[in-house]
Amino acid sequence: MSHYTSVKTSIKSTTALLQALADLGFGTGKVRVCEKAEQLEGYHGDKREQTAEIIIPRRHVGSSSNDIGFKLQEDGTYEAIISDYDKNKYGKTWMGKLTQRYAYNNLKNELSDGGFFIESEHEEKGEIFMQVGTNFGG
């Protein structure tokens, strides 16, 4: 039975988290969002003591994998819950990509909510550059 590790994040926006997961291949139908935290499932279909509100079911993680979860914390952040077995593929590098896609989507959402839009964007050496415009008169 694989042990689960919790990874603290600064992720707060459920919408931006789901968008980031979709950007990494876990789009519609590959992520379960639960109103109330549910137990994660292990490789053999066994229920684990760890619970999460956002779950990537093991069948979408990979063969011989366990569920990956995102547990809402009291401070409003999500903590990633990843089994030791799955950390080979979904460890530090994957979490880095997820965090980058989260920040990107969260910024786009906040810009849109504030009446701004992205005029152009490009990527250089792993960094994303945006030119932002507004619909305000002026």
Protein backbone atom coordinates (compact mmCIF):
# COMPACT_ATOMS: atom_id res chain seq x y z
CA MET A 1 0.00 0.00 0.00
CA SER A 2 1.50 3.30 -1.10
CA HIS A 3 1.82 6.08 1.44
CA TYR A 4 0.37 9.52 0.63
CA THR A 5 2.31 12.76 0.97
CA SER A 6 0.68 16.16 1.43
CA VAL A 7 2.15 19.12 -0.46
CA LYS A 8 1.29 22.62 0.71
CA THR A 9 0.37 25.07 -2.05
CA SER A 10 -0.73 28.69 -2.32
CA ILE A 11 -3.61 27.65 -4.60
CA LYS A 12 -6.91 29.24 -3.49
CA SER A 13 -9.11 29.58 -6.58
CA THR A 14 -11.04 26.43 -7.41
CA THR A 15 -11.76 27.75 -10.92
CA ALA A 16 -8.11 28.47 -11.71
CA LEU A 17 -7.05 25.11 -10.24
CA LEU A 18 -9.51 23.26 -12.47
CA GLN A 19 -8.33 25.28 -15.49
CA ALA A 20 -4.70 24.45 -14.64
CA LEU A 21 -5.53 20.75 -14.32
CA ALA A 22 -7.28 20.90 -17.71
CA ASP A 23 -4.18 22.56 -19.21
CA LEU A 24 -2.18 19.55 -17.99
CA GLY A 25 -4.56 17.02 -19.54
CA PHE A 26 -7.10 16.55 -16.76
CA GLY A 27 -10.08 18.28 -18.34
CA THR A 28 -13.78 17.52 -18.37
CA GLY A 29 -14.60 14.05 -17.12
CA LYS A 30 -11.13 13.45 -15.67
CA VAL A 31 -11.56 15.39 -12.42
CA ARG A 32 -14.22 14.96 -9.76
CA VAL A 33 -15.28 18.01 -7.74
CA CYS A 34 -17.02 17.15 -4.48
CA GLU A 35 -19.08 19.46 -2.26
CA LYS A 36 -17.93 17.47 0.75
CA ALA A 37 -14.47 15.87 0.93
CA GLU A 38 -14.44 12.21 -0.15
CA GLN A 39 -11.96 9.46 0.60
CA LEU A 40 -9.20 8.90 -1.92
CA GLU A 41 -8.98 5.50 -3.55
CA GLY A 42 -5.85 3.36 -3.69
CA TYR A 43 -4.54 1.14 -6.45
CA HIS A 44 -6.69 -1.84 -5.44
CA GLY A 45 -9.85 0.28 -5.11
CA ASP A 46 -9.40 0.48 -1.36
CA LYS A 47 -10.62 3.60 0.42
CA ARG A 48 -7.88 5.59 2.11
CA GLU A 49 -8.16 7.79 5.19
CA GLN A 50 -7.09 10.85 3.17
CA THR A 51 -9.94 12.94 1.79
CA ALA A 52 -10.18 15.69 -0.81
CA GLU A 53 -12.71 17.95 -2.49
CA ILE A 54 -11.02 17.80 -5.90
CA ILE A 55 -9.98 14.32 -7.04
CA ILE A 56 -8.21 13.01 -10.11
CA PRO A 57 -9.42 9.38 -10.14
CA ARG A 58 -6.65 6.78 -10.35
CA ARG A 59 -7.81 5.52 -13.76
CA HIS A 60 -6.83 8.92 -15.21
CA VAL A 61 -3.54 9.14 -13.29
CA GLY A 62 -2.00 6.01 -14.80
CA SER A 63 -1.82 2.26 -14.55
CA SER A 64 -1.09 1.01 -11.04
CA SER A 65 -1.82 4.50 -9.68
CA ASN A 66 -3.75 5.95 -6.76
CA ASP A 67 -6.13 8.93 -6.75
CA ILE A 68 -4.56 12.39 -6.57
CA GLY A 69 -6.44 14.80 -4.35
CA PHE A 70 -6.62 18.48 -3.54
CA LYS A 71 -7.84 19.07 0.01
CA LEU A 72 -9.26 22.45 0.99
CA GLN A 73 -7.52 23.78 4.12
CA GLU A 74 -8.88 26.11 6.82
CA ASP A 75 -6.83 29.01 5.39
CA GLY A 76 -8.56 28.63 2.00
CA THR A 77 -5.63 26.99 0.21
CA TYR A 78 -5.61 23.56 -1.36
CA GLU A 79 -3.11 20.93 -0.27
CA ALA A 80 -2.11 18.39 -2.91
CA ILE A 81 -2.24 14.75 -1.79
CA ILE A 82 -0.10 12.47 -3.94
CA SER A 83 0.96 8.89 -3.25
CA ASP A 84 4.65 8.06 -3.02
CA TYR A 85 4.20 5.75 -6.02
CA ASP A 86 2.74 8.54 -8.18
CA LYS A 87 5.34 11.13 -7.13
CA ASN A 88 7.64 9.73 -9.82
CA LYS A 89 5.37 11.25 -12.48
CA TYR A 90 3.39 13.78 -10.43
CA GLY A 91 6.05 15.10 -8.10
CA LYS A 92 8.01 18.33 -7.93
CA THR A 93 8.25 18.98 -11.70
CA TRP A 94 4.55 18.33 -12.28
CA MET A 95 3.58 20.44 -9.27
CA GLY A 96 5.76 23.25 -10.67
CA LYS A 97 3.91 23.09 -14.00
CA LEU A 98 0.55 22.97 -12.19
CA THR A 99 1.49 26.00 -10.08
CA GLN A 100 2.60 27.94 -13.17
CA ARG A 101 -0.63 27.12 -15.05
CA TYR A 102 -2.64 28.00 -11.91
CA ALA A 103 -0.93 31.41 -11.65
CA TYR A 104 -1.50 32.04 -15.36
CA ASN A 105 -5.21 31.14 -15.22
CA ASN A 106 -5.76 32.97 -11.95
CA LEU A 107 -4.21 36.14 -13.39
CA LYS A 108 -6.32 35.89 -16.56
CA ASN A 109 -9.47 35.47 -14.46
CA GLU A 110 -8.60 38.41 -12.20
CA LEU A 111 -7.80 40.62 -15.21
CA SER A 112 -11.11 39.73 -16.81
CA ASP A 113 -13.00 40.37 -13.57
CA GLY A 114 -11.31 43.79 -13.37
CA GLY A 115 -12.35 44.80 -16.91
CA PHE A 116 -9.00 44.09 -18.55
CA PHE A 117 -8.11 41.77 -21.41
CA ILE A 118 -4.94 40.26 -22.79
CA GLU A 119 -3.94 41.96 -26.04
CA SER A 120 -1.07 39.58 -26.70
CA GLU A 121 1.09 37.04 -24.95
CA HIS A 122 4.20 35.04 -25.70
CA GLU A 123 6.51 32.65 -23.91
CA GLU A 124 10.28 32.94 -23.63
CA LYS A 125 12.44 30.43 -21.77
CA GLY A 126 9.48 29.19 -19.73
CA GLU A 127 8.23 32.67 -18.80
CA ILE A 128 4.91 34.05 -20.07
CA PHE A 129 4.75 37.71 -21.06
CA MET A 130 1.38 39.46 -21.47
CA GLN A 131 0.35 42.80 -22.86
CA VAL A 132 -2.84 43.87 -21.15
CA GLY A 133 -5.49 46.29 -22.37
CA THR A 134 -8.69 47.72 -20.98
CA ASN A 135 -12.10 48.59 -22.30
CA PHE A 136 -12.20 51.72 -20.13
CA GLY A 137 -12.49 55.03 -21.99
CA GLY A 138 -9.53 57.21 -22.16
